[in-house]
Amino acid sequence: MNRRQIAGALLLFAGVVLLLGGRGVVGLAAELVWLAGLAALAMVSWRVLSTRAVMPLRIAVHVALAITAAATTTQLSGPAFLGFVALAFWLVYRTPSRKQAVTGWAIIPAGVLTTLATVAAVDTLRPRWDGGAVFLLGMTATFTVIYLLPPERGGGRWALWPALAWALLTVLVNDPTGAFTRWWLPLTLIGIGIAVLGWSRRRR
């Protein structure tokens, strides 16, 4: 990681803290640093304990770290636990076994749990924000990622339709005035853009 990447990461971290930490910036920053350390430890232990013989130990260590994350934080206790459960599924996807080269199925629970963790964080730190909209956006993003990924990495064209359905539901829920006609063109363009991106990636 070069200096620019480090500076960018620090700015991103500071921005997240200031955005979400309206109540006690210092305390929230400390919790984020602590959780980042635990997450790094979880990823390292997951890779070290990679053989089938120690699979129960791998799961036990990750569960212990998830409980530790929830028990040692205050503002982010609930989101931390959900985030660590989501992290387990992301690690399953990123580090498949030799006999199972593709673990695309893990993206769905990983995306759902990541979305729930984000909603929990929003409800805790920004209760005035609409958690329902965050949930719908997260589900849209989950299936969009599956659609854009190539088949050898667990992607699938079938995910286009749930992605569009979640996107449509997001627009409808966040359009209480009923003026949906203003949204049909940009929504159509977004859908076509996702389809073209997925098609072009599979042509490579």
N, C-alpha and C. Protein backbone atom coordinates (compact mmCIF):
# COMPACT_ATOMS: atom_id res chain seq x y z
N MET A 1 0.85 -1.20 0.00
CA MET A 1 0.00 0.00 0.00
C MET A 1 0.89 1.25 0.00
N ASN A 2 0.71 2.13 -1.01
CA ASN A 2 1.53 3.33 -1.09
C ASN A 2 0.96 4.46 -0.24
N ARG A 3 1.65 5.60 -0.27
CA ARG A 3 1.24 6.71 0.60
C ARG A 3 -0.13 7.24 0.23
N ARG A 4 -0.41 7.32 -1.06
CA ARG A 4 -1.71 7.82 -1.48
C ARG A 4 -2.84 6.92 -1.01
N GLN A 5 -2.64 5.61 -1.10
CA GLN A 5 -3.66 4.68 -0.64
C GLN A 5 -3.87 4.78 0.86
N ILE A 6 -2.76 4.93 1.60
CA ILE A 6 -2.88 5.10 3.05
C ILE A 6 -3.63 6.38 3.39
N ALA A 7 -3.26 7.47 2.69
CA ALA A 7 -3.94 8.75 2.94
C ALA A 7 -5.42 8.66 2.58
N GLY A 8 -5.72 7.99 1.47
CA GLY A 8 -7.12 7.83 1.09
C GLY A 8 -7.91 7.01 2.08
N ALA A 9 -7.29 5.94 2.60
CA ALA A 9 -7.96 5.11 3.59
C ALA A 9 -8.21 5.89 4.88
N LEU A 10 -7.23 6.71 5.28
CA LEU A 10 -7.41 7.52 6.49
C LEU A 10 -8.52 8.55 6.31
N LEU A 11 -8.56 9.19 5.14
CA LEU A 11 -9.62 10.15 4.88
C LEU A 11 -10.99 9.48 4.85
N LEU A 12 -11.05 8.29 4.24
CA LEU A 12 -12.30 7.55 4.20
C LEU A 12 -12.75 7.19 5.61
N PHE A 13 -11.82 6.73 6.43
CA PHE A 13 -12.15 6.37 7.80
C PHE A 13 -12.65 7.59 8.58
N ALA A 14 -11.96 8.72 8.42
CA ALA A 14 -12.37 9.93 9.13
C ALA A 14 -13.75 10.39 8.68
N GLY A 15 -14.00 10.29 7.38
CA GLY A 15 -15.31 10.68 6.88
C GLY A 15 -16.43 9.81 7.41
N VAL A 16 -16.20 8.49 7.47
CA VAL A 16 -17.22 7.59 8.02
C VAL A 16 -17.49 7.91 9.48
N VAL A 17 -16.42 8.16 10.24
CA VAL A 17 -16.58 8.47 11.66
C VAL A 17 -17.38 9.75 11.85
N LEU A 18 -17.04 10.80 11.08
CA LEU A 18 -17.76 12.06 11.22
C LEU A 18 -19.20 11.96 10.73
N LEU A 19 -19.43 11.13 9.71
CA LEU A 19 -20.79 10.98 9.18
C LEU A 19 -21.69 10.23 10.14
N LEU A 20 -21.17 9.14 10.72
CA LEU A 20 -22.00 8.29 11.56
C LEU A 20 -21.90 8.61 13.04
N GLY A 21 -20.85 9.27 13.42
CA GLY A 21 -20.62 9.45 14.86
C GLY A 21 -21.04 10.79 15.38
N GLY A 22 -22.26 11.16 15.13
CA GLY A 22 -22.75 12.40 15.68
C GLY A 22 -22.73 12.41 17.19
N ARG A 23 -22.79 11.24 17.80
CA ARG A 23 -22.77 11.13 19.25
C ARG A 23 -21.47 10.47 19.67
N GLY A 24 -20.50 11.26 20.09
CA GLY A 24 -19.27 10.70 20.60
C GLY A 24 -18.35 10.19 19.50
N VAL A 25 -17.71 11.12 18.79
CA VAL A 25 -16.85 10.73 17.68
C VAL A 25 -15.67 9.90 18.15
N VAL A 26 -15.07 10.29 19.27
CA VAL A 26 -13.90 9.57 19.77
C VAL A 26 -14.25 8.14 20.13
N GLY A 27 -15.37 7.95 20.83
CA GLY A 27 -15.77 6.60 21.20
C GLY A 27 -16.07 5.73 20.00
N LEU A 28 -16.73 6.29 19.01
CA LEU A 28 -17.05 5.53 17.81
C LEU A 28 -15.78 5.18 17.05
N ALA A 29 -14.83 6.12 16.97
CA ALA A 29 -13.58 5.86 16.28
C ALA A 29 -12.82 4.72 16.95
N ALA A 30 -12.81 4.71 18.26
CA ALA A 30 -12.13 3.64 18.99
C ALA A 30 -12.78 2.30 18.70
N GLU A 31 -14.11 2.27 18.65
CA GLU A 31 -14.81 1.02 18.37
C GLU A 31 -14.52 0.54 16.94
N LEU A 32 -14.48 1.46 15.99
CA LEU A 32 -14.19 1.08 14.61
C LEU A 32 -12.78 0.52 14.48
N VAL A 33 -11.83 1.14 15.15
CA VAL A 33 -10.45 0.63 15.10
C VAL A 33 -10.38 -0.76 15.73
N TRP A 34 -11.05 -0.92 16.87
CA TRP A 34 -11.06 -2.22 17.56
C TRP A 34 -11.70 -3.29 16.68
N LEU A 35 -12.82 -2.97 16.06
CA LEU A 35 -13.49 -3.94 15.21
C LEU A 35 -12.67 -4.26 13.97
N ALA A 36 -11.98 -3.28 13.43
CA ALA A 36 -11.11 -3.54 12.29
C ALA A 36 -10.00 -4.51 12.66
N GLY A 37 -9.44 -4.35 13.85
CA GLY A 37 -8.41 -5.28 14.31
C GLY A 37 -8.95 -6.69 14.48
N LEU A 38 -10.14 -6.81 15.06
CA LEU A 38 -10.75 -8.13 15.22
C LEU A 38 -11.07 -8.76 13.87
N ALA A 39 -11.53 -7.95 12.93
CA ALA A 39 -11.84 -8.47 11.60
C ALA A 39 -10.57 -8.97 10.91
N ALA A 40 -9.48 -8.22 11.05
CA ALA A 40 -8.21 -8.67 10.47
C ALA A 40 -7.76 -9.99 11.10
N LEU A 41 -7.92 -10.09 12.41
CA LEU A 41 -7.57 -11.33 13.10
C LEU A 41 -8.45 -12.49 12.62
N ALA A 42 -9.73 -12.21 12.38
CA ALA A 42 -10.64 -13.24 11.90
C ALA A 42 -10.24 -13.73 10.52
N MET A 43 -9.83 -12.82 9.65
CA MET A 43 -9.43 -13.22 8.29
C MET A 43 -8.14 -14.03 8.30
N VAL A 44 -7.20 -13.63 9.16
CA VAL A 44 -5.95 -14.38 9.25
C VAL A 44 -6.20 -15.78 9.80
N SER A 45 -6.98 -15.88 10.87
CA SER A 45 -7.25 -17.19 11.46
C SER A 45 -8.04 -18.08 10.50
N TRP A 46 -8.92 -17.49 9.70
CA TRP A 46 -9.69 -18.27 8.73
C TRP A 46 -8.78 -18.91 7.69
N ARG A 47 -7.76 -18.16 7.26
CA ARG A 47 -6.83 -18.70 6.27
C ARG A 47 -5.87 -19.72 6.88
N VAL A 48 -5.45 -19.48 8.12
CA VAL A 48 -4.52 -20.41 8.77
C VAL A 48 -5.20 -21.74 9.04
N LEU A 49 -6.44 -21.68 9.51
CA LEU A 49 -7.19 -22.90 9.81
C LEU A 49 -8.00 -23.32 8.60
N SER A 50 -7.30 -23.68 7.54
CA SER A 50 -7.98 -23.91 6.26
C SER A 50 -8.22 -25.38 5.94
N THR A 51 -7.65 -26.30 6.69
CA THR A 51 -7.85 -27.71 6.39
C THR A 51 -9.17 -28.21 6.97
N ARG A 52 -9.68 -29.27 6.38
CA ARG A 52 -10.96 -29.82 6.83
C ARG A 52 -10.85 -30.38 8.25
N ALA A 53 -9.66 -30.82 8.64
CA ALA A 53 -9.50 -31.41 9.97
C ALA A 53 -9.74 -30.40 11.08
N VAL A 54 -9.46 -29.13 10.79
CA VAL A 54 -9.61 -28.09 11.82
C VAL A 54 -10.80 -27.17 11.52
N MET A 55 -11.72 -27.62 10.65
CA MET A 55 -12.88 -26.80 10.33
C MET A 55 -13.71 -26.43 11.56
N PRO A 56 -13.98 -27.37 12.48
CA PRO A 56 -14.72 -26.98 13.69
C PRO A 56 -13.99 -25.91 14.50
N LEU A 57 -12.66 -26.01 14.56
CA LEU A 57 -11.89 -25.00 15.28
C LEU A 57 -11.96 -23.65 14.57
N ARG A 58 -11.95 -23.67 13.25
CA ARG A 58 -12.07 -22.42 12.49
C ARG A 58 -13.39 -21.73 12.80
N ILE A 59 -14.47 -22.50 12.80
CA ILE A 59 -15.79 -21.93 13.09
C ILE A 59 -15.86 -21.43 14.52
N ALA A 60 -15.30 -22.21 15.45
CA ALA A 60 -15.32 -21.83 16.87
C ALA A 60 -14.55 -20.53 17.10
N VAL A 61 -13.41 -20.38 16.44
CA VAL A 61 -12.62 -19.16 16.59
C VAL A 61 -13.39 -17.96 16.05
N HIS A 62 -14.04 -18.13 14.90
CA HIS A 62 -14.78 -17.02 14.32
C HIS A 62 -15.98 -16.63 15.19
N VAL A 63 -16.67 -17.63 15.71
CA VAL A 63 -17.80 -17.34 16.61
C VAL A 63 -17.32 -16.61 17.85
N ALA A 64 -16.18 -17.04 18.38
CA ALA A 64 -15.62 -16.39 19.57
C ALA A 64 -15.27 -14.93 19.27
N LEU A 65 -14.72 -14.68 18.11
CA LEU A 65 -14.39 -13.30 17.74
C LEU A 65 -15.65 -12.46 17.53
N ALA A 66 -16.70 -13.08 16.97
CA ALA A 66 -17.96 -12.35 16.79
C ALA A 66 -18.57 -11.97 18.13
N ILE A 67 -18.54 -12.91 19.07
CA ILE A 67 -19.08 -12.62 20.41
C ILE A 67 -18.23 -11.56 21.10
N THR A 68 -16.93 -11.65 20.93
CA THR A 68 -16.03 -10.65 21.52
C THR A 68 -16.31 -9.27 20.95
N ALA A 69 -16.52 -9.21 19.64
CA ALA A 69 -16.81 -7.92 19.00
C ALA A 69 -18.09 -7.31 19.55
N ALA A 70 -19.11 -8.13 19.74
CA ALA A 70 -20.38 -7.62 20.25
C ALA A 70 -20.30 -7.25 21.73
N ALA A 71 -19.53 -8.03 22.49
CA ALA A 71 -19.46 -7.81 23.94
C ALA A 71 -18.57 -6.65 24.33
N THR A 72 -17.64 -6.28 23.48
CA THR A 72 -16.68 -5.24 23.83
C THR A 72 -16.97 -3.90 23.18
N THR A 73 -18.14 -3.77 22.55
CA THR A 73 -18.53 -2.50 21.96
C THR A 73 -19.87 -2.08 22.52
N THR A 74 -20.18 -0.80 22.38
CA THR A 74 -21.44 -0.27 22.91
C THR A 74 -22.33 0.23 21.77
N GLN A 75 -21.87 1.23 21.03
CA GLN A 75 -22.68 1.78 19.94
C GLN A 75 -22.85 0.78 18.80
N LEU A 76 -21.85 -0.03 18.56
CA LEU A 76 -21.86 -0.92 17.40
C LEU A 76 -21.97 -2.38 17.79
N SER A 77 -22.56 -2.67 18.91
CA SER A 77 -22.62 -4.05 19.39
C SER A 77 -23.41 -4.94 18.44
N GLY A 78 -24.66 -4.56 18.14
CA GLY A 78 -25.48 -5.36 17.23
C GLY A 78 -24.92 -5.43 15.83
N PRO A 79 -24.59 -4.28 15.22
CA PRO A 79 -24.00 -4.33 13.89
C PRO A 79 -22.71 -5.13 13.83
N ALA A 80 -21.92 -5.11 14.91
CA ALA A 80 -20.65 -5.85 14.91
C ALA A 80 -20.89 -7.34 14.82
N PHE A 81 -21.85 -7.86 15.58
CA PHE A 81 -22.11 -9.29 15.54
C PHE A 81 -22.62 -9.71 14.17
N LEU A 82 -23.58 -8.96 13.62
CA LEU A 82 -24.08 -9.28 12.29
C LEU A 82 -22.99 -9.16 11.23
N GLY A 83 -22.13 -8.16 11.40
CA GLY A 83 -21.04 -7.98 10.45
C GLY A 83 -20.06 -9.14 10.45
N PHE A 84 -19.78 -9.69 11.64
CA PHE A 84 -18.86 -10.82 11.71
C PHE A 84 -19.49 -12.09 11.13
N VAL A 85 -20.78 -12.26 11.30
CA VAL A 85 -21.44 -13.40 10.67
C VAL A 85 -21.39 -13.24 9.15
N ALA A 86 -21.63 -12.02 8.67
CA ALA A 86 -21.52 -11.76 7.23
C ALA A 86 -20.10 -12.00 6.75
N LEU A 87 -19.12 -11.60 7.56
CA LEU A 87 -17.72 -11.79 7.18
C LEU A 87 -17.40 -13.27 6.97
N ALA A 88 -17.99 -14.13 7.79
CA ALA A 88 -17.76 -15.57 7.64
C ALA A 88 -18.19 -16.04 6.25
N PHE A 89 -19.35 -15.59 5.79
CA PHE A 89 -19.81 -16.00 4.47
C PHE A 89 -18.95 -15.39 3.36
N TRP A 90 -18.49 -14.14 3.55
CA TRP A 90 -17.59 -13.56 2.56
C TRP A 90 -16.29 -14.36 2.49
N LEU A 91 -15.80 -14.82 3.64
CA LEU A 91 -14.58 -15.63 3.65
C LEU A 91 -14.80 -16.99 3.00
N VAL A 92 -15.99 -17.56 3.19
CA VAL A 92 -16.31 -18.81 2.50
C VAL A 92 -16.26 -18.60 0.99
N TYR A 93 -16.79 -17.46 0.54
CA TYR A 93 -16.76 -17.18 -0.89
C TYR A 93 -15.35 -16.92 -1.40
N ARG A 94 -14.56 -16.19 -0.63
CA ARG A 94 -13.24 -15.80 -1.08
C ARG A 94 -12.21 -16.92 -0.96
N THR A 95 -12.42 -17.85 -0.06
CA THR A 95 -11.44 -18.92 0.16
C THR A 95 -12.12 -20.28 0.04
N PRO A 96 -12.54 -20.67 -1.17
CA PRO A 96 -13.19 -21.97 -1.34
C PRO A 96 -12.19 -23.12 -1.16
N SER A 97 -12.71 -24.28 -0.85
CA SER A 97 -11.86 -25.46 -0.73
C SER A 97 -11.42 -25.92 -2.11
N ARG A 98 -10.43 -26.81 -2.14
CA ARG A 98 -9.93 -27.29 -3.42
C ARG A 98 -10.98 -28.08 -4.19
N LYS A 99 -11.80 -28.82 -3.48
CA LYS A 99 -12.82 -29.62 -4.14
C LYS A 99 -14.00 -28.78 -4.60
N GLN A 100 -14.16 -27.60 -4.02
CA GLN A 100 -15.29 -26.73 -4.36
C GLN A 100 -14.72 -25.40 -4.83
N ALA A 101 -14.48 -25.32 -6.14
CA ALA A 101 -13.80 -24.15 -6.68
C ALA A 101 -14.68 -22.90 -6.66
N VAL A 102 -15.99 -23.08 -6.78
CA VAL A 102 -16.90 -21.95 -6.84
C VAL A 102 -17.86 -22.01 -5.65
N THR A 103 -17.92 -20.94 -4.89
CA THR A 103 -18.83 -20.87 -3.74
C THR A 103 -19.70 -19.62 -3.86
N GLY A 104 -20.27 -19.43 -5.05
CA GLY A 104 -21.08 -18.26 -5.28
C GLY A 104 -22.32 -18.19 -4.41
N TRP A 105 -22.79 -19.35 -3.94
CA TRP A 105 -23.99 -19.36 -3.09
C TRP A 105 -23.77 -18.51 -1.84
N ALA A 106 -22.52 -18.39 -1.39
CA ALA A 106 -22.25 -17.66 -0.15
C ALA A 106 -22.46 -16.16 -0.30
N ILE A 107 -22.52 -15.67 -1.53
CA ILE A 107 -22.70 -14.23 -1.72
C ILE A 107 -24.07 -13.78 -1.21
N ILE A 108 -25.10 -14.62 -1.38
CA ILE A 108 -26.45 -14.22 -0.98
C ILE A 108 -26.55 -14.03 0.53
N PRO A 109 -26.20 -15.04 1.37
CA PRO A 109 -26.26 -14.77 2.81
C PRO A 109 -25.28 -13.69 3.25
N ALA A 110 -24.12 -13.61 2.58
CA ALA A 110 -23.17 -12.56 2.93
C ALA A 110 -23.76 -11.18 2.66
N GLY A 111 -24.39 -11.03 1.50
CA GLY A 111 -25.00 -9.75 1.17
C GLY A 111 -26.17 -9.39 2.07
N VAL A 112 -27.01 -10.38 2.36
CA VAL A 112 -28.16 -10.13 3.23
C VAL A 112 -27.70 -9.72 4.62
N LEU A 113 -26.74 -10.44 5.19
CA LEU A 113 -26.27 -10.14 6.53
C LEU A 113 -25.50 -8.82 6.58
N THR A 114 -24.76 -8.52 5.52
CA THR A 114 -24.10 -7.22 5.45
C THR A 114 -25.12 -6.10 5.42
N THR A 115 -26.19 -6.31 4.66
CA THR A 115 -27.26 -5.31 4.61
C THR A 115 -27.91 -5.13 5.97
N LEU A 116 -28.18 -6.25 6.67
CA LEU A 116 -28.79 -6.15 8.00
C LEU A 116 -27.86 -5.46 8.99
N ALA A 117 -26.57 -5.73 8.89
CA ALA A 117 -25.61 -5.06 9.77
C ALA A 117 -25.59 -3.55 9.50
N THR A 118 -25.68 -3.18 8.22
CA THR A 118 -25.71 -1.76 7.87
C THR A 118 -26.98 -1.10 8.38
N VAL A 119 -28.12 -1.79 8.25
CA VAL A 119 -29.38 -1.26 8.75
C VAL A 119 -29.32 -1.08 10.27
N ALA A 120 -28.75 -2.06 10.97
CA ALA A 120 -28.61 -1.96 12.42
C ALA A 120 -27.73 -0.79 12.81
N ALA A 121 -26.65 -0.57 12.06
CA ALA A 121 -25.77 0.56 12.35
C ALA A 121 -26.48 1.89 12.11
N VAL A 122 -27.24 1.96 11.03
CA VAL A 122 -27.98 3.18 10.73
C VAL A 122 -29.03 3.46 11.80
N ASP A 123 -29.77 2.42 12.20
CA ASP A 123 -30.79 2.60 13.23
C ASP A 123 -30.19 3.03 14.57
N THR A 124 -28.96 2.60 14.84
CA THR A 124 -28.31 2.94 16.11
C THR A 124 -27.71 4.34 16.07
N LEU A 125 -27.01 4.65 14.99
CA LEU A 125 -26.26 5.90 14.92
C LEU A 125 -27.04 7.04 14.29
N ARG A 126 -27.92 6.72 13.39
CA ARG A 126 -28.74 7.72 12.71
C ARG A 126 -30.20 7.28 12.69
N PRO A 127 -30.87 7.33 13.83
CA PRO A 127 -32.25 6.82 13.88
C PRO A 127 -33.23 7.56 12.98
N ARG A 128 -32.88 8.76 12.56
CA ARG A 128 -33.78 9.51 11.67
C ARG A 128 -33.69 9.03 10.23
N TRP A 129 -32.66 8.31 9.91
CA TRP A 129 -32.53 7.78 8.55
C TRP A 129 -33.51 6.63 8.35
N ASP A 130 -33.88 6.41 7.11
CA ASP A 130 -34.83 5.36 6.77
C ASP A 130 -34.08 4.04 6.60
N GLY A 131 -34.17 3.18 7.61
CA GLY A 131 -33.50 1.88 7.52
C GLY A 131 -34.08 0.99 6.44
N GLY A 132 -35.36 1.15 6.16
CA GLY A 132 -35.98 0.35 5.11
C GLY A 132 -35.37 0.61 3.75
N ALA A 133 -35.09 1.87 3.46
CA ALA A 133 -34.46 2.21 2.19
C ALA A 133 -33.06 1.62 2.09
N VAL A 134 -32.33 1.65 3.21
CA VAL A 134 -30.99 1.06 3.23
C VAL A 134 -31.06 -0.44 2.96
N PHE A 135 -32.05 -1.10 3.55
CA PHE A 135 -32.22 -2.54 3.32
C PHE A 135 -32.50 -2.85 1.86
N LEU A 136 -33.40 -2.09 1.26
CA LEU A 136 -33.74 -2.33 -0.15
C LEU A 136 -32.55 -2.07 -1.07
N LEU A 137 -31.79 -1.02 -0.78
CA LEU A 137 -30.61 -0.75 -1.58
C LEU A 137 -29.57 -1.85 -1.43
N GLY A 138 -29.43 -2.37 -0.21
CA GLY A 138 -28.47 -3.45 0.01
C GLY A 138 -28.85 -4.72 -0.73
N MET A 139 -30.13 -5.05 -0.75
CA MET A 139 -30.57 -6.23 -1.48
C MET A 139 -30.38 -6.05 -2.98
N THR A 140 -30.66 -4.84 -3.46
CA THR A 140 -30.42 -4.56 -4.88
C THR A 140 -28.95 -4.74 -5.22
N ALA A 141 -28.08 -4.22 -4.36
CA ALA A 141 -26.64 -4.34 -4.60
C ALA A 141 -26.18 -5.80 -4.57
N THR A 142 -26.75 -6.59 -3.66
CA THR A 142 -26.35 -8.00 -3.54
C THR A 142 -26.58 -8.75 -4.85
N PHE A 143 -27.77 -8.65 -5.38
CA PHE A 143 -28.08 -9.39 -6.61
C PHE A 143 -27.41 -8.76 -7.84
N THR A 144 -27.16 -7.45 -7.78
CA THR A 144 -26.43 -6.83 -8.88
C THR A 144 -25.00 -7.36 -8.95
N VAL A 145 -24.37 -7.53 -7.79
CA VAL A 145 -23.02 -8.08 -7.74
C VAL A 145 -23.00 -9.50 -8.31
N ILE A 146 -23.99 -10.31 -7.93
CA ILE A 146 -24.04 -11.68 -8.44
C ILE A 146 -24.19 -11.68 -9.95
N TYR A 147 -25.00 -10.78 -10.47
CA TYR A 147 -25.20 -10.72 -11.92
C TYR A 147 -23.94 -10.28 -12.66
N LEU A 148 -23.20 -9.32 -12.07
CA LEU A 148 -22.02 -8.79 -12.75
C LEU A 148 -20.82 -9.71 -12.66
N LEU A 149 -20.79 -10.61 -11.69
CA LEU A 149 -19.66 -11.52 -11.57
C LEU A 149 -19.69 -12.56 -12.70
N PRO A 150 -18.53 -12.96 -13.19
CA PRO A 150 -18.49 -14.02 -14.21
C PRO A 150 -18.89 -15.36 -13.60
N PRO A 151 -19.36 -16.31 -14.40
CA PRO A 151 -19.82 -17.60 -13.87
C PRO A 151 -18.74 -18.34 -13.08
N GLU A 152 -17.49 -18.23 -13.53
CA GLU A 152 -16.43 -18.95 -12.82
C GLU A 152 -16.16 -18.39 -11.43
N ARG A 153 -16.69 -17.23 -11.14
CA ARG A 153 -16.55 -16.65 -9.80
C ARG A 153 -17.86 -16.64 -9.04
N GLY A 154 -18.82 -17.43 -9.50
CA GLY A 154 -20.08 -17.57 -8.78
C GLY A 154 -21.20 -16.69 -9.26
N GLY A 155 -20.99 -15.98 -10.35
CA GLY A 155 -22.04 -15.11 -10.87
C GLY A 155 -23.09 -15.88 -11.65
N GLY A 156 -24.19 -15.22 -11.96
CA GLY A 156 -25.26 -15.85 -12.70
C GLY A 156 -26.18 -14.82 -13.32
N ARG A 157 -26.60 -15.07 -14.54
CA ARG A 157 -27.50 -14.13 -15.21
C ARG A 157 -28.87 -14.08 -14.56
N TRP A 158 -29.26 -15.15 -13.88
CA TRP A 158 -30.57 -15.17 -13.23
C TRP A 158 -30.73 -14.04 -12.23
N ALA A 159 -29.60 -13.53 -11.67
CA ALA A 159 -29.68 -12.51 -10.62
C ALA A 159 -30.14 -11.16 -11.14
N LEU A 160 -30.18 -10.99 -12.48
CA LEU A 160 -30.65 -9.72 -13.02
C LEU A 160 -32.08 -9.43 -12.60
N TRP A 161 -32.93 -10.45 -12.64
CA TRP A 161 -34.35 -10.21 -12.36
C TRP A 161 -34.63 -9.87 -10.90
N PRO A 162 -34.07 -10.58 -9.92
CA PRO A 162 -34.26 -10.10 -8.54
C PRO A 162 -33.62 -8.74 -8.29
N ALA A 163 -32.50 -8.45 -8.98
CA ALA A 163 -31.88 -7.13 -8.81
C ALA A 163 -32.81 -6.03 -9.30
N LEU A 164 -33.41 -6.24 -10.46
CA LEU A 164 -34.35 -5.24 -10.99
C LEU A 164 -35.61 -5.15 -10.13
N ALA A 165 -36.06 -6.30 -9.61
CA ALA A 165 -37.25 -6.29 -8.75
C ALA A 165 -36.99 -5.49 -7.48
N TRP A 166 -35.82 -5.72 -6.85
CA TRP A 166 -35.48 -4.96 -5.63
C TRP A 166 -35.31 -3.48 -5.95
N ALA A 167 -34.73 -3.17 -7.11
CA ALA A 167 -34.57 -1.76 -7.49
C ALA A 167 -35.93 -1.10 -7.71
N LEU A 168 -36.84 -1.82 -8.36
CA LEU A 168 -38.18 -1.28 -8.57
C LEU A 168 -38.90 -1.07 -7.24
N LEU A 169 -38.77 -2.03 -6.34
CA LEU A 169 -39.38 -1.91 -5.02
C LEU A 169 -38.80 -0.73 -4.26
N THR A 170 -37.51 -0.50 -4.41
CA THR A 170 -36.86 0.64 -3.75
C THR A 170 -37.46 1.95 -4.22
N VAL A 171 -37.65 2.06 -5.53
CA VAL A 171 -38.23 3.29 -6.08
C VAL A 171 -39.66 3.47 -5.62
N LEU A 172 -40.44 2.39 -5.62
CA LEU A 172 -41.84 2.50 -5.23
C LEU A 172 -41.99 2.87 -3.76
N VAL A 173 -41.18 2.27 -2.91
CA VAL A 173 -41.27 2.56 -1.48
C VAL A 173 -40.86 3.99 -1.18
N ASN A 174 -39.89 4.50 -1.93
CA ASN A 174 -39.40 5.86 -1.68
C ASN A 174 -40.06 6.89 -2.58
N ASP A 175 -41.26 6.58 -3.06
CA ASP A 175 -41.99 7.50 -3.90
C ASP A 175 -43.42 7.63 -3.38
N PRO A 176 -43.58 8.18 -2.16
CA PRO A 176 -44.92 8.24 -1.56
C PRO A 176 -45.90 9.12 -2.31
N THR A 177 -45.41 10.04 -3.16
CA THR A 177 -46.31 10.93 -3.89
C THR A 177 -46.96 10.23 -5.07
N GLY A 178 -46.45 9.04 -5.43
CA GLY A 178 -47.01 8.32 -6.57
C GLY A 178 -46.53 8.82 -7.91
N ALA A 179 -45.51 9.68 -7.91
CA ALA A 179 -45.00 10.23 -9.17
C ALA A 179 -43.96 9.30 -9.78
N PHE A 180 -44.32 8.05 -9.93
CA PHE A 180 -43.38 7.05 -10.45
C PHE A 180 -43.01 7.31 -11.90
N THR A 181 -43.87 8.01 -12.61
CA THR A 181 -43.60 8.25 -14.02
C THR A 181 -42.32 9.04 -14.23
N ARG A 182 -41.90 9.82 -13.23
CA ARG A 182 -40.66 10.57 -13.35
C ARG A 182 -39.45 9.66 -13.29
N TRP A 183 -39.64 8.43 -12.79
CA TRP A 183 -38.50 7.54 -12.55
C TRP A 183 -38.34 6.46 -13.61
N TRP A 184 -39.32 6.29 -14.47
CA TRP A 184 -39.25 5.12 -15.35
C TRP A 184 -38.06 5.18 -16.31
N LEU A 185 -37.73 6.39 -16.82
CA LEU A 185 -36.61 6.48 -17.75
C LEU A 185 -35.27 6.18 -17.08
N PRO A 186 -34.93 6.86 -15.96
CA PRO A 186 -33.64 6.52 -15.33
C PRO A 186 -33.58 5.08 -14.85
N LEU A 187 -34.71 4.55 -14.35
CA LEU A 187 -34.72 3.17 -13.90
C LEU A 187 -34.49 2.21 -15.07
N THR A 188 -35.10 2.51 -16.21
CA THR A 188 -34.89 1.68 -17.40
C THR A 188 -33.44 1.73 -17.85
N LEU A 189 -32.86 2.93 -17.84
CA LEU A 189 -31.46 3.08 -18.23
C LEU A 189 -30.53 2.31 -17.29
N ILE A 190 -30.83 2.35 -16.00
CA ILE A 190 -30.01 1.61 -15.03
C ILE A 190 -30.09 0.11 -15.31
N GLY A 191 -31.32 -0.38 -15.54
CA GLY A 191 -31.48 -1.80 -15.82
C GLY A 191 -30.75 -2.23 -17.08
N ILE A 192 -30.88 -1.41 -18.14
CA ILE A 192 -30.18 -1.74 -19.39
C ILE A 192 -28.67 -1.67 -19.18
N GLY A 193 -28.22 -0.69 -18.42
CA GLY A 193 -26.78 -0.57 -18.16
C GLY A 193 -26.23 -1.78 -17.43
N ILE A 194 -26.97 -2.27 -16.42
CA ILE A 194 -26.54 -3.46 -15.69
C ILE A 194 -26.48 -4.67 -16.63
N ALA A 195 -27.49 -4.80 -17.48
CA ALA A 195 -27.52 -5.93 -18.41
C ALA A 195 -26.34 -5.86 -19.39
N VAL A 196 -26.04 -4.68 -19.90
CA VAL A 196 -24.94 -4.53 -20.85
C VAL A 196 -23.61 -4.82 -20.17
N LEU A 197 -23.43 -4.33 -18.94
CA LEU A 197 -22.19 -4.59 -18.21
C LEU A 197 -21.99 -6.09 -17.99
N GLY A 198 -23.04 -6.76 -17.55
CA GLY A 198 -22.92 -8.19 -17.34
C GLY A 198 -22.64 -8.94 -18.62
N TRP A 199 -23.29 -8.55 -19.70
CA TRP A 199 -23.08 -9.21 -20.98
C TRP A 199 -21.66 -9.01 -21.49
N SER A 200 -21.15 -7.78 -21.35
CA SER A 200 -19.80 -7.49 -21.83
C SER A 200 -18.74 -8.21 -21.02
N ARG A 201 -18.96 -8.35 -19.70
CA ARG A 201 -17.99 -9.06 -18.87
C ARG A 201 -17.93 -10.54 -19.24
N ARG A 202 -19.05 -11.11 -19.63
CA ARG A 202 -19.07 -12.53 -19.99
C ARG A 202 -18.51 -12.77 -21.39
N ARG A 203 -18.43 -11.72 -22.20
CA ARG A 203 -17.89 -11.86 -23.55
C ARG A 203 -16.36 -11.90 -23.55
N ARG A 204 -15.73 -11.45 -22.42
CA ARG A 204 -14.27 -11.39 -22.37
C ARG A 204 -13.68 -12.79 -22.23
